[in-house]
PDB file of N, CA and C in Angstrom:
ATOM      1  N   MET A   1     191.772 172.938 -22.696  1.00  0.00           N
ATOM      2  CA  MET A   1     192.112 172.744 -24.095  1.00  0.00           C
ATOM      3  C   MET A   1     192.252 171.250 -24.373  1.00  0.00           C
ATOM      4  N   ASN A   2     191.918 170.853 -25.555  1.00  0.00           N
ATOM      5  CA  ASN A   2     191.970 169.438 -25.938  1.00  0.00           C
ATOM      6  C   ASN A   2     193.403 169.062 -26.312  1.00  0.00           C
ATOM      7  N   ASN A   3     193.996 168.095 -25.606  1.00  0.00           N
ATOM      8  CA  ASN A   3     195.384 167.719 -25.837  1.00  0.00           C
ATOM      9  C   ASN A   3     195.547 166.545 -26.797  1.00  0.00           C
ATOM     10  N   ARG A   4     194.461 166.062 -27.381  1.00  0.00           N
ATOM     11  CA  ARG A   4     194.560 164.908 -28.283  1.00  0.00           C
ATOM     12  C   ARG A   4     195.389 165.204 -29.521  1.00  0.00           C
ATOM     13  N   HIS A   5     195.328 166.424 -30.017  1.00  0.00           N
ATOM     14  CA  HIS A   5     195.970 166.762 -31.290  1.00  0.00           C
ATOM     15  C   HIS A   5     197.340 167.397 -31.123  1.00  0.00           C
ATOM     16  N   MET A   6     197.889 167.377 -29.933  1.00  0.00           N
ATOM     17  CA  MET A   6     199.200 167.982 -29.709  1.00  0.00           C
ATOM     18  C   MET A   6     200.292 166.920 -29.755  1.00  0.00           C
ATOM     19  N   ASN A   7     201.433 167.306 -30.292  1.00  0.00           N
ATOM     20  CA  ASN A   7     202.572 166.388 -30.304  1.00  0.00           C
ATOM     21  C   ASN A   7     203.335 166.493 -28.990  1.00  0.00           C
ATOM     22  N   SER A   8     204.467 165.839 -28.894  1.00  0.00           N
ATOM     23  CA  SER A   8     205.212 165.804 -27.632  1.00  0.00           C
ATOM     24  C   SER A   8     205.787 167.168 -27.238  1.00  0.00           C
ATOM     25  N   ASP A   9     205.935 168.074 -28.189  1.00  0.00           N
ATOM     26  CA  ASP A   9     206.454 169.409 -27.889  1.00  0.00           C
ATOM     27  C   ASP A   9     205.358 170.374 -27.466  1.00  0.00           C
ATOM     28  N   GLY A  10     204.117 169.928 -27.447  1.00  0.00           N
ATOM     29  CA  GLY A  10     203.000 170.784 -27.076  1.00  0.00           C
ATOM     30  C   GLY A  10     202.464 171.612 -28.217  1.00  0.00           C
ATOM     31  N   GLU A  11     202.896 171.312 -29.447  1.00  0.00           N
ATOM     32  CA  GLU A  11     202.413 172.036 -30.619  1.00  0.00           C
ATOM     33  C   GLU A  11     201.320 171.230 -31.303  1.00  0.00           C
ATOM     34  N   LEU A  12     200.443 171.944 -31.966  1.00  0.00           N
ATOM     35  CA  LEU A  12     199.390 171.272 -32.721  1.00  0.00           C
ATOM     36  C   LEU A  12     199.977 170.668 -33.985  1.00  0.00           C
ATOM     37  N   SER A  13     199.615 169.434 -34.266  1.00  0.00           N
ATOM     38  CA  SER A  13     200.113 168.800 -35.485  1.00  0.00           C
ATOM     39  C   SER A  13     199.265 169.243 -36.669  1.00  0.00           C
ATOM     40  N   GLY A  14     199.911 169.437 -37.810  1.00  0.00           N
ATOM     41  CA  GLY A  14     199.211 169.896 -39.005  1.00  0.00           C
ATOM     42  C   GLY A  14     198.790 168.725 -39.884  1.00  0.00           C
ATOM     43  N   ILE A  15     198.177 169.070 -40.986  1.00  0.00           N
ATOM     44  CA  ILE A  15     197.769 168.058 -41.951  1.00  0.00           C
ATOM     45  C   ILE A  15     199.005 167.612 -42.713  1.00  0.00           C
ATOM     46  N   SER A  16     199.218 166.309 -42.792  1.00  0.00           N
ATOM     47  CA  SER A  16     200.441 165.822 -43.426  1.00  0.00           C
ATOM     48  C   SER A  16     200.220 165.305 -44.841  1.00  0.00           C
ATOM     49  N   GLY A  17     198.994 165.253 -45.319  1.00  0.00           N
ATOM     50  CA  GLY A  17     198.733 164.800 -46.680  1.00  0.00           C
ATOM     51  C   GLY A  17     197.850 163.578 -46.716  1.00  0.00           C
ATOM     52  N   LEU A  18     197.623 163.110 -47.926  1.00  0.00           N
ATOM     53  CA  LEU A  18     196.787 161.923 -48.090  1.00  0.00           C
ATOM     54  C   LEU A  18     197.598 160.673 -47.807  1.00  0.00           C
ATOM     55  N   GLY A  19     196.960 159.718 -47.199  1.00  0.00           N
ATOM     56  CA  GLY A  19     197.645 158.469 -46.924  1.00  0.00           C
ATOM     57  C   GLY A  19     196.646 157.336 -46.821  1.00  0.00           C
ATOM     58  N   GLY A  20     197.140 156.138 -46.884  1.00  0.00           N
ATOM     59  CA  GLY A  20     196.274 154.972 -46.740  1.00  0.00           C
ATOM     60  C   GLY A  20     195.292 154.837 -47.882  1.00  0.00           C
ATOM     61  N   TRP A  21     194.061 154.514 -47.526  1.00  0.00           N
ATOM     62  CA  TRP A  21     193.047 154.263 -48.557  1.00  0.00           C
ATOM     63  C   TRP A  21     192.554 155.557 -49.198  1.00  0.00           C
ATOM     64  N   LEU A  22     192.834 156.716 -48.620  1.00  0.00           N
ATOM     65  CA  LEU A  22     192.400 157.982 -49.218  1.00  0.00           C
ATOM     66  C   LEU A  22     193.076 158.245 -50.558  1.00  0.00           C
ATOM     67  N   ILE A  23     194.235 157.649 -50.781  1.00  0.00           N
ATOM     68  CA  ILE A  23     194.914 157.828 -52.070  1.00  0.00           C
ATOM     69  C   ILE A  23     194.087 157.215 -53.194  1.00  0.00           C
ATOM     70  N   LEU A  24     193.332 156.167 -52.899  1.00  0.00           N
ATOM     71  CA  LEU A  24     192.466 155.563 -53.919  1.00  0.00           C
ATOM     72  C   LEU A  24     191.355 156.516 -54.320  1.00  0.00           C
ATOM     73  N   ILE A  25     190.826 157.251 -53.377  1.00  0.00           N
ATOM     74  CA  ILE A  25     189.795 158.246 -53.692  1.00  0.00           C
ATOM     75  C   ILE A  25     190.379 159.356 -54.545  1.00  0.00           C
ATOM     76  N   GLN A  26     191.587 159.787 -54.231  1.00  0.00           N
ATOM     77  CA  GLN A  26     192.227 160.836 -55.019  1.00  0.00           C
ATOM     78  C   GLN A  26     192.469 160.370 -56.449  1.00  0.00           C
ATOM     79  N   ILE A  27     192.933 159.141 -56.624  1.00  0.00           N
ATOM     80  CA  ILE A  27     193.169 158.607 -57.973  1.00  0.00           C
ATOM     81  C   ILE A  27     191.862 158.531 -58.736  1.00  0.00           C
ATOM     82  N   SER A  28     190.785 158.069 -58.087  1.00  0.00           N
ATOM     83  CA  SER A  28     189.501 157.955 -58.784  1.00  0.00           C
ATOM     84  C   SER A  28     188.958 159.328 -59.164  1.00  0.00           C
ATOM     85  N   LEU A  29     189.197 160.353 -58.355  1.00  0.00           N
ATOM     86  CA  LEU A  29     188.751 161.704 -58.719  1.00  0.00           C
ATOM     87  C   LEU A  29     189.512 162.232 -59.926  1.00  0.00           C
ATOM     88  N   TRP A  30     190.811 161.977 -59.997  1.00  0.00           N
ATOM     89  CA  TRP A  30     191.590 162.402 -61.169  1.00  0.00           C
ATOM     90  C   TRP A  30     191.136 161.659 -62.417  1.00  0.00           C
ATOM     91  N   LEU A  31     190.861 160.357 -62.290  1.00  0.00           N
ATOM     92  CA  LEU A  31     190.390 159.589 -63.449  1.00  0.00           C
ATOM     93  C   LEU A  31     189.019 160.074 -63.908  1.00  0.00           C
ATOM     94  N   ALA A  32     188.158 160.413 -62.977  1.00  0.00           N
ATOM     95  CA  ALA A  32     186.841 160.938 -63.345  1.00  0.00           C
ATOM     96  C   ALA A  32     186.981 162.250 -64.104  1.00  0.00           C
ATOM     97  N   LEU A  33     187.916 163.091 -63.696  1.00  0.00           N
ATOM     98  CA  LEU A  33     188.145 164.349 -64.398  1.00  0.00           C
ATOM     99  C   LEU A  33     188.645 164.109 -65.819  1.00  0.00           C
ATOM    100  N   VAL A  34     189.544 163.157 -65.981  1.00  0.00           N
ATOM    101  CA  VAL A  34     190.068 162.833 -67.318  1.00  0.00           C
ATOM    102  C   VAL A  34     188.949 162.310 -68.210  1.00  0.00           C
ATOM    103  N   PHE A  35     188.105 161.415 -67.686  1.00  0.00           N
ATOM    104  CA  PHE A  35     186.998 160.884 -68.486  1.00  0.00           C
ATOM    105  C   PHE A  35     185.980 161.974 -68.821  1.00  0.00           C
ATOM    106  N   LEU A  36     185.752 162.890 -67.904  1.00  0.00           N
ATOM    107  CA  LEU A  36     184.821 163.985 -68.171  1.00  0.00           C
ATOM    108  C   LEU A  36     185.340 164.884 -69.287  1.00  0.00           C
ATOM    109  N   ILE A  37     186.612 165.196 -69.260  1.00  0.00           N
ATOM    110  CA  ILE A  37     187.200 166.032 -70.312  1.00  0.00           C
ATOM    111  C   ILE A  37     187.146 165.315 -71.660  1.00  0.00           C
ATOM    112  N   SER A  38     187.395 164.011 -71.680  1.00  0.00           N
ATOM    113  CA  SER A  38     187.332 163.284 -72.948  1.00  0.00           C
ATOM    114  C   SER A  38     185.903 163.214 -73.476  1.00  0.00           C
ATOM    115  N   ASP A  39     184.916 163.122 -72.601  1.00  0.00           N
ATOM    116  CA  ASP A  39     183.525 163.113 -73.049  1.00  0.00           C
ATOM    117  C   ASP A  39     183.114 164.468 -73.610  1.00  0.00           C
ATOM    118  N   VAL A  40     183.556 165.538 -72.991  1.00  0.00           N
ATOM    119  CA  VAL A  40     183.220 166.881 -73.469  1.00  0.00           C
ATOM    120  C   VAL A  40     183.842 167.126 -74.832  1.00  0.00           C
ATOM    121  N   SER A  41     185.016 166.575 -75.088  1.00  0.00           N
ATOM    122  CA  SER A  41     185.651 166.777 -76.386  1.00  0.00           C
ATOM    123  C   SER A  41     184.882 166.077 -77.505  1.00  0.00           C
ATOM    124  N   GLN A  42     184.088 165.070 -77.182  1.00  0.00           N
ATOM    125  CA  GLN A  42     183.305 164.369 -78.195  1.00  0.00           C
ATOM    126  C   GLN A  42     181.989 165.076 -78.506  1.00  0.00           C
ATOM    127  N   VAL A  43     181.617 166.069 -77.721  1.00  0.00           N
ATOM    128  CA  VAL A  43     180.378 166.801 -77.975  1.00  0.00           C
ATOM    129  C   VAL A  43     180.476 167.554 -79.292  1.00  0.00           C
ATOM    130  N   ASN A  44     181.653 168.036 -79.665  1.00  0.00           N
ATOM    131  CA  ASN A  44     181.822 168.748 -80.930  1.00  0.00           C
ATOM    132  C   ASN A  44     181.482 167.852 -82.114  1.00  0.00           C
ATOM    133  N   VAL A  45     181.773 166.574 -82.017  1.00  0.00           N
ATOM    134  CA  VAL A  45     181.462 165.646 -83.099  1.00  0.00           C
ATOM    135  C   VAL A  45     179.950 165.455 -83.203  1.00  0.00           C
ATOM    136  N   ILE A  46     179.286 165.341 -82.091  1.00  0.00           N
ATOM    137  CA  ILE A  46     177.833 165.117 -82.095  1.00  0.00           C
ATOM    138  C   ILE A  46     177.089 166.361 -82.565  1.00  0.00           C
ATOM    139  N   MET A  47     177.529 167.536 -82.153  1.00  0.00           N
ATOM    140  CA  MET A  47     176.819 168.776 -82.475  1.00  0.00           C
ATOM    141  C   MET A  47     177.258 169.390 -83.796  1.00  0.00           C
ATOM    142  N   ASP A  48     177.998 168.689 -84.593  1.00  0.00           N
ATOM    143  CA  ASP A  48     178.429 169.191 -85.895  1.00  0.00           C
ATOM    144  C   ASP A  48     177.202 169.400 -86.780  1.00  0.00           C
ATOM    145  N   PRO A  49     176.993 170.590 -87.342  1.00  0.00           N
ATOM    146  CA  PRO A  49     175.805 170.855 -88.166  1.00  0.00           C
ATOM    147  C   PRO A  49     175.714 169.944 -89.393  1.00  0.00           C
ATOM    148  N   ALA A  50     176.831 169.487 -89.918  1.00  0.00           N
ATOM    149  CA  ALA A  50     176.798 168.627 -91.100  1.00  0.00           C
ATOM    150  C   ALA A  50     176.126 167.288 -90.786  1.00  0.00           C
ATOM    151  N   ARG A  51     176.194 166.831 -89.562  1.00  0.00           N
ATOM    152  CA  ARG A  51     175.546 165.562 -89.186  1.00  0.00           C
ATOM    153  C   ARG A  51     174.023 165.686 -89.148  1.00  0.00           C
ATOM    154  N   TRP A  52     173.501 166.884 -88.950  1.00  0.00           N
ATOM    155  CA  TRP A  52     172.069 167.077 -88.790  1.00  0.00           C
ATOM    156  C   TRP A  52     171.358 167.414 -90.091  1.00  0.00           C
ATOM    157  N   LYS A  53     172.084 167.462 -91.195  1.00  0.00           N
ATOM    158  CA  LYS A  53     171.448 167.778 -92.489  1.00  0.00           C
ATOM    159  C   LYS A  53     171.069 166.517 -93.216  1.00  0.00           C
TER     160      LYS A  53
END
C-alpha cells in the first residue's frame, strides 16, 4: 500500500479545501458566472420586438 498519503496515525488524509493559488481560480470562476448572468439579462433588451420594427 502507498504510505505517502497517510498521516502519523496511519489514516488517510482527506481533502482539506482550497488553498494557495487555487483560491484565485475559484474567485475567477465566480466572477465569470456573475458576468455571464449579467450578459444573459441583457439579451431581453436586444430581443425586444419593439426594437426590430
